[in-house]
Amino acid sequence: MVATLDQIFVLFKQWLVGFLPAPWQHAAGVLLCVAAIIVVFCTLFALAVLMERKGLGRMQNRYGPNRVGPFGILQPVADGIKAPTRWCISWPRWFWW
């Protein structure tokens, strides 16, 4: 039982990749692992930023992020949507010549 539980993610990956043709299985397994790592790190980063903002808000006697979702839990999602829209996209100077 313990041997199975510590390999649960490996077994899940093998089961999921097993639906693909044999030549694609290795590439799909690598992409699945990379995607899982990116999702985990992005989620942890968003939670760390949220907790930092909440802590700073409490230290400054204000609520902190509380506008989006219950208790501000969707604030990292709103920040992720807002960030690309604030970037100023300008064309290089050679484009206008």
PDB file of N, CA and C in Angstrom:
ATOM      1  N   MET A   1       0.827  -1.202   0.000  1.00  0.00           N
ATOM      2  CA  MET A   1       0.000   0.000   0.000  1.00  0.00           C
ATOM      3  C   MET A   1       0.860   1.249   0.000  1.00  0.00           C
ATOM      4  N   VAL A   2       1.880   1.306   0.869  1.00  0.00           N
ATOM      5  CA  VAL A   2       2.741   2.483   0.951  1.00  0.00           C
ATOM      6  C   VAL A   2       3.547   2.639  -0.323  1.00  0.00           C
ATOM      7  N   ALA A   3       3.993   1.542  -0.904  1.00  0.00           N
ATOM      8  CA  ALA A   3       4.769   1.609  -2.147  1.00  0.00           C
ATOM      9  C   ALA A   3       3.926   2.181  -3.279  1.00  0.00           C
ATOM     10  N   THR A   4       2.640   1.928  -3.259  1.00  0.00           N
ATOM     11  CA  THR A   4       1.760   2.466  -4.297  1.00  0.00           C
ATOM     12  C   THR A   4       1.482   3.945  -4.069  1.00  0.00           C
ATOM     13  N   LEU A   5       1.299   4.345  -2.832  1.00  0.00           N
ATOM     14  CA  LEU A   5       0.965   5.735  -2.544  1.00  0.00           C
ATOM     15  C   LEU A   5       2.104   6.695  -2.857  1.00  0.00           C
ATOM     16  N   ASP A   6       3.344   6.288  -2.648  1.00  0.00           N
ATOM     17  CA  ASP A   6       4.422   7.231  -2.930  1.00  0.00           C
ATOM     18  C   ASP A   6       4.713   7.341  -4.425  1.00  0.00           C
ATOM     19  N   GLN A   7       4.129   6.473  -5.230  1.00  0.00           N
ATOM     20  CA  GLN A   7       4.297   6.522  -6.688  1.00  0.00           C
ATOM     21  C   GLN A   7       3.006   6.914  -7.406  1.00  0.00           C
ATOM     22  N   ILE A   8       2.072   7.519  -6.683  1.00  0.00           N
ATOM     23  CA  ILE A   8       0.753   7.798  -7.255  1.00  0.00           C
ATOM     24  C   ILE A   8       0.837   8.731  -8.457  1.00  0.00           C
ATOM     25  N   PHE A   9       1.707   9.737  -8.405  1.00  0.00           N
ATOM     26  CA  PHE A   9       1.805  10.679  -9.519  1.00  0.00           C
ATOM     27  C   PHE A   9       2.497  10.048 -10.726  1.00  0.00           C
ATOM     28  N   VAL A  10       3.469   9.196 -10.468  1.00  0.00           N
ATOM     29  CA  VAL A  10       4.140   8.496 -11.559  1.00  0.00           C
ATOM     30  C   VAL A  10       3.163   7.543 -12.243  1.00  0.00           C
ATOM     31  N   LEU A  11       2.391   6.817 -11.460  1.00  0.00           N
ATOM     32  CA  LEU A  11       1.411   5.905 -12.026  1.00  0.00           C
ATOM     33  C   LEU A  11       0.331   6.656 -12.803  1.00  0.00           C
ATOM     34  N   PHE A  12      -0.084   7.806 -12.289  1.00  0.00           N
ATOM     35  CA  PHE A  12      -1.080   8.612 -12.996  1.00  0.00           C
ATOM     36  C   PHE A  12      -0.530   9.117 -14.327  1.00  0.00           C
ATOM     37  N   LYS A  13       0.734   9.567 -14.330  1.00  0.00           N
ATOM     38  CA  LYS A  13       1.349  10.032 -15.572  1.00  0.00           C
ATOM     39  C   LYS A  13       1.448   8.895 -16.587  1.00  0.00           C
ATOM     40  N   GLN A  14       1.871   7.719 -16.140  1.00  0.00           N
ATOM     41  CA  GLN A  14       1.983   6.576 -17.049  1.00  0.00           C
ATOM     42  C   GLN A  14       0.620   6.170 -17.605  1.00  0.00           C
ATOM     43  N   TRP A  15      -0.403   6.216 -16.765  1.00  0.00           N
ATOM     44  CA  TRP A  15      -1.746   5.885 -17.224  1.00  0.00           C
ATOM     45  C   TRP A  15      -2.234   6.901 -18.256  1.00  0.00           C
ATOM     46  N   LEU A  16      -1.999   8.189 -17.985  1.00  0.00           N
ATOM     47  CA  LEU A  16      -2.456   9.242 -18.884  1.00  0.00           C
ATOM     48  C   LEU A  16      -1.722   9.204 -20.217  1.00  0.00           C
ATOM     49  N   VAL A  17      -0.415   9.003 -20.177  1.00  0.00           N
ATOM     50  CA  VAL A  17       0.391   8.975 -21.392  1.00  0.00           C
ATOM     51  C   VAL A  17       0.136   7.683 -22.171  1.00  0.00           C
ATOM     52  N   GLY A  18      -0.322   6.653 -21.504  1.00  0.00           N
ATOM     53  CA  GLY A  18      -0.573   5.375 -22.153  1.00  0.00           C
ATOM     54  C   GLY A  18      -1.638   5.415 -23.229  1.00  0.00           C
ATOM     55  N   PHE A  19      -2.467   6.458 -23.244  1.00  0.00           N
ATOM     56  CA  PHE A  19      -3.498   6.582 -24.272  1.00  0.00           C
ATOM     57  C   PHE A  19      -2.938   7.050 -25.613  1.00  0.00           C
ATOM     58  N   LEU A  20      -1.729   7.559 -25.613  1.00  0.00           N
ATOM     59  CA  LEU A  20      -1.123   8.095 -26.839  1.00  0.00           C
ATOM     60  C   LEU A  20      -0.350   7.015 -27.582  1.00  0.00           C
ATOM     61  N   PRO A  21      -0.093   7.230 -28.867  1.00  0.00           N
ATOM     62  CA  PRO A  21       0.750   6.273 -29.608  1.00  0.00           C
ATOM     63  C   PRO A  21       2.157   6.218 -29.015  1.00  0.00           C
ATOM     64  N   ALA A  22       2.827   5.101 -29.178  1.00  0.00           N
ATOM     65  CA  ALA A  22       4.136   4.870 -28.565  1.00  0.00           C
ATOM     66  C   ALA A  22       5.183   5.934 -28.911  1.00  0.00           C
ATOM     67  N   PRO A  23       5.285   6.403 -30.158  1.00  0.00           N
ATOM     68  CA  PRO A  23       6.327   7.403 -30.443  1.00  0.00           C
ATOM     69  C   PRO A  23       6.113   8.733 -29.724  1.00  0.00           C
ATOM     70  N   TRP A  24       4.883   9.035 -29.336  1.00  0.00           N
ATOM     71  CA  TRP A  24       4.592  10.325 -28.699  1.00  0.00           C
ATOM     72  C   TRP A  24       4.635  10.261 -27.178  1.00  0.00           C
ATOM     73  N   GLN A  25       4.724   9.094 -26.611  1.00  0.00           N
ATOM     74  CA  GLN A  25       4.593   8.952 -25.167  1.00  0.00           C
ATOM     75  C   GLN A  25       5.697   9.656 -24.392  1.00  0.00           C
ATOM     76  N   HIS A  26       6.930   9.562 -24.848  1.00  0.00           N
ATOM     77  CA  HIS A  26       8.029  10.203 -24.116  1.00  0.00           C
ATOM     78  C   HIS A  26       7.881  11.723 -24.127  1.00  0.00           C
ATOM     79  N   ALA A  27       7.617  12.291 -25.294  1.00  0.00           N
ATOM     80  CA  ALA A  27       7.461  13.747 -25.396  1.00  0.00           C
ATOM     81  C   ALA A  27       6.270  14.231 -24.576  1.00  0.00           C
ATOM     82  N   ALA A  28       5.177  13.483 -24.624  1.00  0.00           N
ATOM     83  CA  ALA A  28       3.995  13.863 -23.849  1.00  0.00           C
ATOM     84  C   ALA A  28       4.268  13.771 -22.348  1.00  0.00           C
ATOM     85  N   GLY A  29       5.033  12.767 -21.932  1.00  0.00           N
ATOM     86  CA  GLY A  29       5.389  12.648 -20.518  1.00  0.00           C
ATOM     87  C   GLY A  29       6.238  13.809 -20.041  1.00  0.00           C
ATOM     88  N   VAL A  30       7.189  14.218 -20.879  1.00  0.00           N
ATOM     89  CA  VAL A  30       8.034  15.365 -20.528  1.00  0.00           C
ATOM     90  C   VAL A  30       7.200  16.636 -20.441  1.00  0.00           C
ATOM     91  N   LEU A  31       6.333  16.850 -21.437  1.00  0.00           N
ATOM     92  CA  LEU A  31       5.482  18.050 -21.429  1.00  0.00           C
ATOM     93  C   LEU A  31       4.532  18.056 -20.231  1.00  0.00           C
ATOM     94  N   LEU A  32       4.025  16.905 -19.870  1.00  0.00           N
ATOM     95  CA  LEU A  32       3.142  16.808 -18.718  1.00  0.00           C
ATOM     96  C   LEU A  32       3.878  17.161 -17.424  1.00  0.00           C
ATOM     97  N   CYS A  33       5.104  16.669 -17.282  1.00  0.00           N
ATOM     98  CA  CYS A  33       5.903  16.986 -16.094  1.00  0.00           C
ATOM     99  C   CYS A  33       6.244  18.472 -16.025  1.00  0.00           C
ATOM    100  N   VAL A  34       6.634  19.040 -17.153  1.00  0.00           N
ATOM    101  CA  VAL A  34       6.973  20.467 -17.185  1.00  0.00           C
ATOM    102  C   VAL A  34       5.749  21.316 -16.874  1.00  0.00           C
ATOM    103  N   ALA A  35       4.607  20.958 -17.448  1.00  0.00           N
ATOM    104  CA  ALA A  35       3.378  21.701 -17.187  1.00  0.00           C
ATOM    105  C   ALA A  35       2.989  21.613 -15.712  1.00  0.00           C
ATOM    106  N   ALA A  36       3.145  20.451 -15.110  1.00  0.00           N
ATOM    107  CA  ALA A  36       2.814  20.296 -13.694  1.00  0.00           C
ATOM    108  C   ALA A  36       3.714  21.165 -12.825  1.00  0.00           C
ATOM    109  N   ILE A  37       4.999  21.211 -13.141  1.00  0.00           N
ATOM    110  CA  ILE A  37       5.931  22.033 -12.364  1.00  0.00           C
ATOM    111  C   ILE A  37       5.590  23.513 -12.505  1.00  0.00           C
ATOM    112  N   ILE A  38       5.283  23.952 -13.729  1.00  0.00           N
ATOM    113  CA  ILE A  38       4.938  25.356 -13.947  1.00  0.00           C
ATOM    114  C   ILE A  38       3.661  25.727 -13.193  1.00  0.00           C
ATOM    115  N   VAL A  39       2.665  24.858 -13.233  1.00  0.00           N
ATOM    116  CA  VAL A  39       1.406  25.136 -12.528  1.00  0.00           C
ATOM    117  C   VAL A  39       1.637  25.221 -11.023  1.00  0.00           C
ATOM    118  N   VAL A  40       2.422  24.305 -10.478  1.00  0.00           N
ATOM    119  CA  VAL A  40       2.678  24.314  -9.033  1.00  0.00           C
ATOM    120  C   VAL A  40       3.425  25.579  -8.624  1.00  0.00           C
ATOM    121  N   PHE A  41       4.467  25.948  -9.367  1.00  0.00           N
ATOM    122  CA  PHE A  41       5.232  27.134  -8.996  1.00  0.00           C
ATOM    123  C   PHE A  41       4.412  28.408  -9.155  1.00  0.00           C
ATOM    124  N   CYS A  42       3.613  28.512 -10.206  1.00  0.00           N
ATOM    125  CA  CYS A  42       2.772  29.701 -10.386  1.00  0.00           C
ATOM    126  C   CYS A  42       1.728  29.814  -9.277  1.00  0.00           C
ATOM    127  N   THR A  43       1.154  28.686  -8.893  1.00  0.00           N
ATOM    128  CA  THR A  43       0.175  28.701  -7.816  1.00  0.00           C
ATOM    129  C   THR A  43       0.813  29.096  -6.490  1.00  0.00           C
ATOM    130  N   LEU A  44       1.971  28.541  -6.195  1.00  0.00           N
ATOM    131  CA  LEU A  44       2.650  28.905  -4.950  1.00  0.00           C
ATOM    132  C   LEU A  44       3.074  30.368  -4.944  1.00  0.00           C
ATOM    133  N   PHE A  45       3.513  30.881  -6.091  1.00  0.00           N
ATOM    134  CA  PHE A  45       3.895  32.289  -6.178  1.00  0.00           C
ATOM    135  C   PHE A  45       2.681  33.181  -5.950  1.00  0.00           C
ATOM    136  N   ALA A  46       1.544  32.840  -6.559  1.00  0.00           N
ATOM    137  CA  ALA A  46       0.330  33.630  -6.377  1.00  0.00           C
ATOM    138  C   ALA A  46      -0.123  33.619  -4.921  1.00  0.00           C
ATOM    139  N   LEU A  47      -0.063  32.464  -4.272  1.00  0.00           N
ATOM    140  CA  LEU A  47      -0.445  32.395  -2.864  1.00  0.00           C
ATOM    141  C   LEU A  47       0.517  33.168  -1.968  1.00  0.00           C
ATOM    142  N   ALA A  48       1.816  33.122  -2.288  1.00  0.00           N
ATOM    143  CA  ALA A  48       2.787  33.874  -1.497  1.00  0.00           C
ATOM    144  C   ALA A  48       2.550  35.378  -1.625  1.00  0.00           C
ATOM    145  N   VAL A  49       2.253  35.840  -2.831  1.00  0.00           N
ATOM    146  CA  VAL A  49       1.960  37.264  -3.034  1.00  0.00           C
ATOM    147  C   VAL A  49       0.692  37.656  -2.293  1.00  0.00           C
ATOM    148  N   LEU A  50      -0.333  36.816  -2.356  1.00  0.00           N
ATOM    149  CA  LEU A  50      -1.579  37.104  -1.650  1.00  0.00           C
ATOM    150  C   LEU A  50      -1.354  37.179  -0.144  1.00  0.00           C
ATOM    151  N   MET A  51      -0.614  36.230   0.403  1.00  0.00           N
ATOM    152  CA  MET A  51      -0.361  36.241   1.845  1.00  0.00           C
ATOM    153  C   MET A  51       0.494  37.446   2.251  1.00  0.00           C
ATOM    154  N   GLU A  52       1.448  37.816   1.394  1.00  0.00           N
ATOM    155  CA  GLU A  52       2.257  39.000   1.689  1.00  0.00           C
ATOM    156  C   GLU A  52       1.386  40.255   1.727  1.00  0.00           C
ATOM    157  N   ARG A  53       0.502  40.388   0.750  1.00  0.00           N
ATOM    158  CA  ARG A  53      -0.373  41.561   0.713  1.00  0.00           C
ATOM    159  C   ARG A  53      -1.324  41.582   1.900  1.00  0.00           C
ATOM    160  N   LYS A  54      -1.835  40.423   2.260  1.00  0.00           N
ATOM    161  CA  LYS A  54      -2.720  40.353   3.420  1.00  0.00           C
ATOM    162  C   LYS A  54      -1.974  40.741   4.693  1.00  0.00           C
ATOM    163  N   GLY A  55      -0.744  40.219   4.833  1.00  0.00           N
ATOM    164  CA  GLY A  55       0.049  40.550   6.017  1.00  0.00           C
ATOM    165  C   GLY A  55       0.398  42.022   6.082  1.00  0.00           C
ATOM    166  N   LEU A  56       0.804  42.602   4.968  1.00  0.00           N
ATOM    167  CA  LEU A  56       1.118  44.031   4.944  1.00  0.00           C
ATOM    168  C   LEU A  56      -0.123  44.871   5.205  1.00  0.00           C
ATOM    169  N   GLY A  57      -1.264  44.424   4.696  1.00  0.00           N
ATOM    170  CA  GLY A  57      -2.512  45.144   4.957  1.00  0.00           C
ATOM    171  C   GLY A  57      -2.858  45.139   6.438  1.00  0.00           C
ATOM    172  N   ARG A  58      -2.641  44.018   7.093  1.00  0.00           N
ATOM    173  CA  ARG A  58      -2.915  43.958   8.542  1.00  0.00           C
ATOM    174  C   ARG A  58      -1.936  44.829   9.325  1.00  0.00           C
ATOM    175  N   MET A  59      -0.671  44.853   8.914  1.00  0.00           N
ATOM    176  CA  MET A  59       0.311  45.691   9.609  1.00  0.00           C
ATOM    177  C   MET A  59      -0.010  47.173   9.465  1.00  0.00           C
ATOM    178  N   GLN A  60      -0.645  47.544   8.350  1.00  0.00           N
ATOM    179  CA  GLN A  60      -0.974  48.942   8.100  1.00  0.00           C
ATOM    180  C   GLN A  60      -2.411  49.277   8.482  1.00  0.00           C
ATOM    181  N   ASN A  61      -3.050  48.387   9.229  1.00  0.00           N
ATOM    182  CA  ASN A  61      -4.422  48.573   9.692  1.00  0.00           C
ATOM    183  C   ASN A  61      -5.404  48.825   8.551  1.00  0.00           C
ATOM    184  N   ARG A  62      -5.303  48.040   7.515  1.00  0.00           N
ATOM    185  CA  ARG A  62      -6.271  48.075   6.422  1.00  0.00           C
ATOM    186  C   ARG A  62      -6.583  46.631   6.049  1.00  0.00           C
ATOM    187  N   TYR A  63      -7.550  46.447   5.190  1.00  0.00           N
ATOM    188  CA  TYR A  63      -8.009  45.098   4.878  1.00  0.00           C
ATOM    189  C   TYR A  63      -7.050  44.309   4.000  1.00  0.00           C
ATOM    190  N   GLY A  64      -6.320  44.980   3.137  1.00  0.00           N
ATOM    191  CA  GLY A  64      -5.523  44.255   2.160  1.00  0.00           C
ATOM    192  C   GLY A  64      -6.402  43.904   0.973  1.00  0.00           C
ATOM    193  N   PRO A  65      -5.949  43.010   0.110  1.00  0.00           N
ATOM    194  CA  PRO A  65      -6.772  42.680  -1.063  1.00  0.00           C
ATOM    195  C   PRO A  65      -8.050  41.964  -0.650  1.00  0.00           C
ATOM    196  N   ASN A  66      -9.179  42.591  -0.923  1.00  0.00           N
ATOM    197  CA  ASN A  66     -10.460  41.969  -0.578  1.00  0.00           C
ATOM    198  C   ASN A  66     -11.533  42.283  -1.611  1.00  0.00           C
ATOM    199  N   ARG A  67     -11.149  42.757  -2.774  1.00  0.00           N
ATOM    200  CA  ARG A  67     -12.136  43.191  -3.765  1.00  0.00           C
ATOM    201  C   ARG A  67     -12.586  42.065  -4.694  1.00  0.00           C
ATOM    202  N   VAL A  68     -11.725  41.100  -4.959  1.00  0.00           N
ATOM    203  CA  VAL A  68     -12.026  40.089  -5.962  1.00  0.00           C
ATOM    204  C   VAL A  68     -12.212  38.737  -5.282  1.00  0.00           C
ATOM    205  N   GLY A  69     -13.412  38.212  -5.358  1.00  0.00           N
ATOM    206  CA  GLY A  69     -13.676  36.900  -4.781  1.00  0.00           C
ATOM    207  C   GLY A  69     -13.816  36.952  -3.268  1.00  0.00           C
ATOM    208  N   PRO A  70     -14.122  35.814  -2.671  1.00  0.00           N
ATOM    209  CA  PRO A  70     -14.253  35.776  -1.213  1.00  0.00           C
ATOM    210  C   PRO A  70     -12.893  35.930  -0.538  1.00  0.00           C
ATOM    211  N   PHE A  71     -12.768  36.909   0.320  1.00  0.00           N
ATOM    212  CA  PHE A  71     -11.542  37.200   1.073  1.00  0.00           C
ATOM    213  C   PHE A  71     -10.367  37.541   0.159  1.00  0.00           C
ATOM    214  N   GLY A  72     -10.630  37.970  -1.061  1.00  0.00           N
ATOM    215  CA  GLY A  72      -9.555  38.361  -1.975  1.00  0.00           C
ATOM    216  C   GLY A  72      -8.784  37.198  -2.568  1.00  0.00           C
ATOM    217  N   ILE A  73      -9.341  35.996  -2.533  1.00  0.00           N
ATOM    218  CA  ILE A  73      -8.599  34.822  -2.989  1.00  0.00           C
ATOM    219  C   ILE A  73      -8.380  34.834  -4.501  1.00  0.00           C
ATOM    220  N   LEU A  74      -9.196  35.571  -5.250  1.00  0.00           N
ATOM    221  CA  LEU A  74      -9.032  35.658  -6.698  1.00  0.00           C
ATOM    222  C   LEU A  74      -8.194  36.856  -7.128  1.00  0.00           C
ATOM    223  N   GLN A  75      -7.594  37.556  -6.174  1.00  0.00           N
ATOM    224  CA  GLN A  75      -6.766  38.716  -6.498  1.00  0.00           C
ATOM    225  C   GLN A  75      -5.575  38.359  -7.390  1.00  0.00           C
ATOM    226  N   PRO A  76      -4.868  37.245  -7.169  1.00  0.00           N
ATOM    227  CA  PRO A  76      -3.776  36.900  -8.098  1.00  0.00           C
ATOM    228  C   PRO A  76      -4.256  36.689  -9.530  1.00  0.00           C
ATOM    229  N   VAL A  77      -5.467  36.166  -9.715  1.00  0.00           N
ATOM    230  CA  VAL A  77      -6.005  35.992 -11.064  1.00  0.00           C
ATOM    231  C   VAL A  77      -6.259  37.356 -11.698  1.00  0.00           C
ATOM    232  N   ALA A  78      -6.823  38.276 -10.920  1.00  0.00           N
ATOM    233  CA  ALA A  78      -7.065  39.622 -11.434  1.00  0.00           C
ATOM    234  C   ALA A  78      -5.750  40.321 -11.764  1.00  0.00           C
ATOM    235  N   ASP A  79      -4.730  40.134 -10.944  1.00  0.00           N
ATOM    236  CA  ASP A  79      -3.415  40.716 -11.232  1.00  0.00           C
ATOM    237  C   ASP A  79      -2.824  40.120 -12.501  1.00  0.00           C
ATOM    238  N   GLY A  80      -3.015  38.819 -12.702  1.00  0.00           N
ATOM    239  CA  GLY A  80      -2.500  38.171 -13.905  1.00  0.00           C
ATOM    240  C   GLY A  80      -3.183  38.664 -15.165  1.00  0.00           C
ATOM    241  N   ILE A  81      -4.453  39.017 -15.068  1.00  0.00           N
ATOM    242  CA  ILE A  81      -5.166  39.570 -16.221  1.00  0.00           C
ATOM    243  C   ILE A  81      -4.773  41.025 -16.448  1.00  0.00           C
ATOM    244  N   LYS A  82      -4.571  41.760 -15.360  1.00  0.00           N
ATOM    245  CA  LYS A  82      -4.276  43.184 -15.467  1.00  0.00           C
ATOM    246  C   LYS A  82      -2.870  43.451 -15.979  1.00  0.00           C
ATOM    247  N   ALA A  83      -1.912  42.635 -15.598  1.00  0.00           N
ATOM    248  CA  ALA A  83      -0.506  42.910 -15.930  1.00  0.00           C
ATOM    249  C   ALA A  83      -0.245  43.017 -17.433  1.00  0.00           C
ATOM    250  N   PRO A  84      -0.684  42.070 -18.260  1.00  0.00           N
ATOM    251  CA  PRO A  84      -0.397  42.212 -19.698  1.00  0.00           C
ATOM    252  C   PRO A  84      -1.112  43.394 -20.341  1.00  0.00           C
ATOM    253  N   THR A  85      -2.247  43.812 -19.794  1.00  0.00           N
ATOM    254  CA  THR A  85      -2.978  44.920 -20.401  1.00  0.00           C
ATOM    255  C   THR A  85      -2.352  46.265 -20.075  1.00  0.00           C
ATOM    256  N   ARG A  86      -1.491  46.321 -19.090  1.00  0.00           N
ATOM    257  CA  ARG A  86      -0.860  47.592 -18.723  1.00  0.00           C
ATOM    258  C   ARG A  86       0.433  47.843 -19.477  1.00  0.00           C
ATOM    259  N   TRP A  87       0.989  46.824 -20.100  1.00  0.00           N
ATOM    260  CA  TRP A  87       2.245  46.997 -20.820  1.00  0.00           C
ATOM    261  C   TRP A  87       2.009  47.833 -22.063  1.00  0.00           C
ATOM    262  N   CYS A  88       2.871  48.804 -22.258  1.00  0.00           N
ATOM    263  CA  CYS A  88       2.778  49.660 -23.430  1.00  0.00           C
ATOM    264  C   CYS A  88       3.514  48.973 -24.582  1.00  0.00           C
ATOM    265  N   ILE A  89       2.776  48.648 -25.608  1.00  0.00           N
ATOM    266  CA  ILE A  89       3.384  48.005 -26.767  1.00  0.00           C
ATOM    267  C   ILE A  89       3.731  49.096 -27.770  1.00  0.00           C
ATOM    268  N   SER A  90       4.997  49.266 -28.040  1.00  0.00           N
ATOM    269  CA  SER A  90       5.410  50.276 -29.006  1.00  0.00           C
ATOM    270  C   SER A  90       6.228  49.591 -30.093  1.00  0.00           C
ATOM    271  N   TRP A  91       6.059  50.068 -31.313  1.00  0.00           N
ATOM    272  CA  TRP A  91       6.767  49.507 -32.439  1.00  0.00           C
ATOM    273  C   TRP A  91       8.182  50.052 -32.469  1.00  0.00           C
ATOM    274  N   PRO A  92       9.144  49.276 -32.951  1.00  0.00           N
ATOM    275  CA  PRO A  92      10.499  49.785 -33.066  1.00  0.00           C
ATOM    276  C   PRO A  92      10.579  50.921 -34.096  1.00  0.00           C
ATOM    277  N   ARG A  93      11.584  51.747 -33.928  1.00  0.00           N
ATOM    278  CA  ARG A  93      11.699  52.938 -34.778  1.00  0.00           C
ATOM    279  C   ARG A  93      11.874  52.555 -36.251  1.00  0.00           C
ATOM    280  N   TRP A  94      12.578  51.483 -36.559  1.00  0.00           N
ATOM    281  CA  TRP A  94      12.800  51.093 -37.946  1.00  0.00           C
ATOM    282  C   TRP A  94      11.510  50.701 -38.654  1.00  0.00           C
ATOM    283  N   PHE A  95      10.483  50.359 -37.884  1.00  0.00           N
ATOM    284  CA  PHE A  95       9.223  49.957 -38.492  1.00  0.00           C
ATOM    285  C   PHE A  95       8.538  51.113 -39.224  1.00  0.00           C
ATOM    286  N   TRP A  96       8.729  52.326 -38.733  1.00  0.00           N
ATOM    287  CA  TRP A  96       8.051  53.490 -39.312  1.00  0.00           C
ATOM    288  C   TRP A  96       8.828  54.124 -40.446  1.00  0.00           C
ATOM    289  N   TRP A  97      10.017  53.651 -40.785  1.00  0.00           N
ATOM    290  CA  TRP A  97      10.810  54.262 -41.880  1.00  0.00           C
ATOM    291  C   TRP A  97      10.439  53.680 -43.191  1.00  0.00           C
TER     292      TRP A  97
END
